[in-house]
N, C-alpha and C. Protein backbone atom coordinates (compact mmCIF):
# COMPACT_ATOMS: atom_id res chain seq x y z
N UNK A 1 -49.95 6.95 5.50
CA UNK A 1 -49.44 5.68 5.98
C UNK A 1 -49.27 4.67 4.86
N UNK A 2 -50.09 4.72 3.83
CA UNK A 2 -49.99 3.73 2.76
C UNK A 2 -48.67 3.86 2.00
N UNK A 3 -48.13 5.07 1.88
CA UNK A 3 -46.84 5.27 1.22
C UNK A 3 -45.73 4.59 2.04
N UNK A 4 -45.80 4.72 3.35
CA UNK A 4 -44.83 4.09 4.22
C UNK A 4 -44.87 2.57 4.09
N UNK A 5 -46.08 2.00 4.03
CA UNK A 5 -46.23 0.55 3.86
C UNK A 5 -45.68 0.10 2.51
N UNK A 6 -45.91 0.90 1.48
CA UNK A 6 -45.41 0.56 0.15
C UNK A 6 -43.89 0.56 0.13
N UNK A 7 -43.28 1.57 0.71
CA UNK A 7 -41.82 1.64 0.77
C UNK A 7 -41.23 0.48 1.59
N UNK A 8 -41.89 0.14 2.66
CA UNK A 8 -41.45 -0.98 3.48
C UNK A 8 -41.54 -2.29 2.71
N UNK A 9 -42.64 -2.49 1.99
CA UNK A 9 -42.82 -3.71 1.19
C UNK A 9 -41.77 -3.81 0.09
N UNK A 10 -41.44 -2.68 -0.55
CA UNK A 10 -40.42 -2.69 -1.60
C UNK A 10 -39.06 -3.00 -1.02
N UNK A 11 -38.72 -2.40 0.10
CA UNK A 11 -37.39 -2.64 0.70
C UNK A 11 -37.26 -4.08 1.19
N UNK A 12 -38.31 -4.65 1.71
CA UNK A 12 -38.24 -6.04 2.18
C UNK A 12 -38.17 -7.01 1.01
N UNK A 13 -38.82 -6.71 -0.09
CA UNK A 13 -38.77 -7.61 -1.24
C UNK A 13 -37.42 -7.53 -1.94
N UNK A 14 -36.70 -6.44 -1.82
CA UNK A 14 -35.39 -6.28 -2.45
C UNK A 14 -34.27 -6.85 -1.59
N UNK A 15 -34.52 -7.09 -0.31
CA UNK A 15 -33.47 -7.54 0.60
C UNK A 15 -32.80 -8.85 0.17
N UNK A 16 -33.53 -9.88 -0.28
CA UNK A 16 -32.84 -11.11 -0.68
C UNK A 16 -31.87 -10.92 -1.84
N UNK A 17 -32.11 -9.96 -2.71
CA UNK A 17 -31.22 -9.71 -3.84
C UNK A 17 -29.85 -9.24 -3.37
N UNK A 18 -29.79 -8.63 -2.21
CA UNK A 18 -28.52 -8.14 -1.68
C UNK A 18 -27.61 -9.27 -1.21
N UNK A 19 -28.15 -10.45 -1.01
CA UNK A 19 -27.35 -11.56 -0.51
C UNK A 19 -26.87 -12.49 -1.62
N UNK A 20 -27.04 -12.09 -2.88
CA UNK A 20 -26.58 -12.91 -3.98
C UNK A 20 -25.07 -13.07 -3.93
N UNK A 21 -24.61 -14.22 -4.35
CA UNK A 21 -23.18 -14.47 -4.41
C UNK A 21 -22.67 -14.11 -5.80
N UNK A 22 -21.67 -13.26 -5.84
CA UNK A 22 -21.08 -12.87 -7.12
C UNK A 22 -20.13 -13.96 -7.60
N UNK A 23 -19.99 -14.12 -8.91
CA UNK A 23 -19.06 -15.13 -9.41
C UNK A 23 -17.63 -14.74 -9.07
N UNK A 24 -16.84 -15.73 -8.69
CA UNK A 24 -15.45 -15.48 -8.32
C UNK A 24 -14.55 -16.48 -8.99
N UNK A 25 -13.37 -16.05 -9.35
CA UNK A 25 -12.37 -16.93 -9.93
C UNK A 25 -11.04 -16.60 -9.30
N UNK A 26 -10.28 -17.61 -8.96
CA UNK A 26 -8.96 -17.43 -8.38
C UNK A 26 -7.92 -17.64 -9.48
N UNK A 27 -7.02 -16.68 -9.62
CA UNK A 27 -5.94 -16.79 -10.60
C UNK A 27 -4.63 -17.05 -9.88
N UNK A 28 -3.79 -17.87 -10.48
CA UNK A 28 -2.48 -18.20 -9.91
C UNK A 28 -1.42 -18.06 -10.99
N UNK A 29 -0.20 -18.39 -10.64
CA UNK A 29 0.90 -18.34 -11.60
C UNK A 29 0.65 -19.27 -12.78
N UNK A 30 -0.04 -20.36 -12.56
CA UNK A 30 -0.33 -21.28 -13.67
C UNK A 30 -1.29 -20.68 -14.69
N UNK A 31 -2.00 -19.60 -14.32
CA UNK A 31 -2.88 -18.89 -15.25
C UNK A 31 -2.15 -17.78 -15.99
N UNK A 32 -0.88 -17.55 -15.65
CA UNK A 32 -0.10 -16.50 -16.28
C UNK A 32 0.26 -15.35 -15.37
N UNK A 33 -0.29 -15.32 -14.18
CA UNK A 33 0.06 -14.30 -13.20
C UNK A 33 1.53 -14.46 -12.84
N UNK A 34 2.26 -13.36 -12.68
CA UNK A 34 3.69 -13.41 -12.41
C UNK A 34 4.04 -14.29 -11.22
N UNK A 35 3.25 -14.23 -10.19
CA UNK A 35 3.44 -15.03 -8.98
C UNK A 35 2.08 -15.14 -8.30
N UNK A 36 1.89 -16.21 -7.56
CA UNK A 36 0.64 -16.36 -6.80
C UNK A 36 0.64 -15.48 -5.55
N UNK A 37 1.77 -14.85 -5.25
CA UNK A 37 1.88 -13.94 -4.11
C UNK A 37 1.73 -12.51 -4.62
N UNK A 38 0.54 -11.93 -4.46
CA UNK A 38 0.22 -10.59 -4.96
C UNK A 38 0.27 -9.61 -3.80
N UNK A 39 0.98 -8.49 -4.00
CA UNK A 39 1.10 -7.49 -2.94
C UNK A 39 0.20 -6.28 -3.16
N UNK A 40 -0.22 -6.05 -4.41
CA UNK A 40 -1.04 -4.87 -4.71
C UNK A 40 -1.80 -5.10 -6.01
N UNK A 41 -3.03 -4.58 -6.08
CA UNK A 41 -3.83 -4.64 -7.31
C UNK A 41 -4.33 -3.23 -7.60
N UNK A 42 -4.24 -2.83 -8.86
CA UNK A 42 -4.69 -1.50 -9.27
C UNK A 42 -5.35 -1.60 -10.64
N UNK A 43 -6.25 -0.68 -10.94
CA UNK A 43 -6.89 -0.62 -12.26
C UNK A 43 -6.55 0.71 -12.90
N UNK A 44 -6.13 0.68 -14.17
CA UNK A 44 -5.80 1.92 -14.86
C UNK A 44 -7.01 2.48 -15.60
N UNK A 45 -6.84 3.63 -16.24
CA UNK A 45 -7.96 4.31 -16.90
C UNK A 45 -8.49 3.55 -18.11
N UNK A 46 -7.70 2.62 -18.67
CA UNK A 46 -8.15 1.81 -19.80
C UNK A 46 -8.89 0.55 -19.34
N UNK A 47 -8.91 0.31 -18.03
CA UNK A 47 -9.62 -0.83 -17.48
C UNK A 47 -8.76 -2.04 -17.19
N UNK A 48 -7.46 -1.96 -17.52
CA UNK A 48 -6.56 -3.08 -17.24
C UNK A 48 -6.34 -3.20 -15.73
N UNK A 49 -6.24 -4.43 -15.26
CA UNK A 49 -5.88 -4.68 -13.87
C UNK A 49 -4.39 -4.97 -13.81
N UNK A 50 -3.70 -4.34 -12.87
CA UNK A 50 -2.26 -4.52 -12.69
C UNK A 50 -2.03 -5.18 -11.34
N UNK A 51 -1.20 -6.22 -11.33
CA UNK A 51 -0.90 -6.98 -10.13
C UNK A 51 0.59 -6.87 -9.83
N UNK A 52 0.92 -6.35 -8.66
CA UNK A 52 2.30 -6.33 -8.19
C UNK A 52 2.55 -7.66 -7.50
N UNK A 53 3.59 -8.38 -7.92
CA UNK A 53 3.86 -9.69 -7.36
C UNK A 53 5.32 -9.82 -6.98
N UNK A 54 5.66 -10.95 -6.39
CA UNK A 54 7.05 -11.22 -6.03
C UNK A 54 7.94 -11.44 -7.25
N UNK A 55 7.31 -11.83 -8.36
CA UNK A 55 8.10 -12.15 -9.55
C UNK A 55 7.75 -11.28 -10.74
N UNK A 56 7.41 -10.02 -10.51
CA UNK A 56 7.15 -9.10 -11.59
C UNK A 56 5.82 -8.39 -11.50
N UNK A 57 5.52 -7.69 -12.57
CA UNK A 57 4.30 -6.90 -12.68
C UNK A 57 3.43 -7.53 -13.76
N UNK A 58 2.19 -7.88 -13.42
CA UNK A 58 1.31 -8.55 -14.37
C UNK A 58 0.13 -7.65 -14.72
N UNK A 59 -0.19 -7.60 -16.01
CA UNK A 59 -1.34 -6.83 -16.49
C UNK A 59 -2.39 -7.82 -16.99
N UNK A 60 -3.63 -7.63 -16.57
CA UNK A 60 -4.72 -8.52 -16.97
C UNK A 60 -5.72 -7.72 -17.80
N UNK A 61 -6.03 -8.21 -19.01
CA UNK A 61 -6.95 -7.50 -19.90
C UNK A 61 -8.36 -8.07 -19.88
N UNK A 62 -8.63 -8.98 -18.97
CA UNK A 62 -9.93 -9.62 -18.88
C UNK A 62 -9.93 -11.02 -19.48
N UNK A 63 -8.86 -11.34 -20.23
CA UNK A 63 -8.76 -12.64 -20.87
C UNK A 63 -7.44 -13.34 -20.57
N UNK A 64 -6.35 -12.56 -20.52
CA UNK A 64 -5.03 -13.15 -20.30
C UNK A 64 -4.10 -12.17 -19.59
N UNK A 65 -3.03 -12.72 -19.04
CA UNK A 65 -2.03 -11.93 -18.34
C UNK A 65 -0.84 -11.67 -19.24
N UNK A 66 -0.26 -10.48 -19.10
CA UNK A 66 1.04 -10.16 -19.66
C UNK A 66 1.91 -9.81 -18.46
N UNK A 67 3.00 -10.53 -18.29
CA UNK A 67 3.84 -10.32 -17.11
C UNK A 67 5.18 -9.71 -17.51
N UNK A 68 5.55 -8.67 -16.80
CA UNK A 68 6.83 -7.99 -17.00
C UNK A 68 7.72 -8.41 -15.83
N UNK A 69 8.88 -8.96 -16.16
CA UNK A 69 9.79 -9.49 -15.13
C UNK A 69 11.21 -9.03 -15.42
N UNK A 70 12.17 -9.64 -14.75
CA UNK A 70 13.58 -9.31 -15.01
C UNK A 70 13.93 -9.56 -16.47
N UNK A 71 13.36 -10.62 -17.02
CA UNK A 71 13.61 -10.93 -18.43
C UNK A 71 13.08 -9.85 -19.36
N UNK A 72 12.09 -9.10 -18.90
CA UNK A 72 11.48 -8.02 -19.68
C UNK A 72 12.18 -6.69 -19.45
N UNK A 73 13.13 -6.67 -18.50
CA UNK A 73 13.87 -5.45 -18.23
C UNK A 73 13.65 -4.82 -16.88
N UNK A 74 12.83 -5.43 -16.01
CA UNK A 74 12.67 -4.88 -14.67
C UNK A 74 13.99 -5.03 -13.91
N UNK A 75 14.41 -4.02 -13.18
CA UNK A 75 15.68 -4.12 -12.46
C UNK A 75 15.62 -5.10 -11.28
N UNK A 76 14.45 -5.24 -10.66
CA UNK A 76 14.27 -6.20 -9.57
C UNK A 76 12.96 -6.94 -9.80
N UNK A 77 12.85 -8.19 -9.35
CA UNK A 77 11.64 -8.96 -9.63
C UNK A 77 10.45 -8.62 -8.74
N UNK A 78 10.72 -8.22 -7.51
CA UNK A 78 9.62 -7.98 -6.57
C UNK A 78 9.07 -6.57 -6.72
N UNK A 79 7.77 -6.49 -7.00
CA UNK A 79 7.08 -5.20 -7.13
C UNK A 79 6.13 -5.08 -5.95
N UNK A 80 6.25 -3.99 -5.18
CA UNK A 80 5.43 -3.87 -3.97
C UNK A 80 4.18 -3.03 -4.20
N UNK A 81 4.20 -2.11 -5.13
CA UNK A 81 3.00 -1.31 -5.41
C UNK A 81 3.14 -0.62 -6.75
């Protein structure tokens, strides 16, 4: 029974840690994102985040966005996935 009490005490003491709020940041077109309307987000094997938007495809490296649009050679501006 003492093992059961120990496991219960450990699980109850760890429960508040599960309710921590993770840091969040909202990115918009003013931050370099192609458009504030994002239709899809994906991560590649190098760790880059790719955002499909109404006005192109944006790649985020953790610090800044690089956006590929019609000016970059995309045939259409809206990327759905």
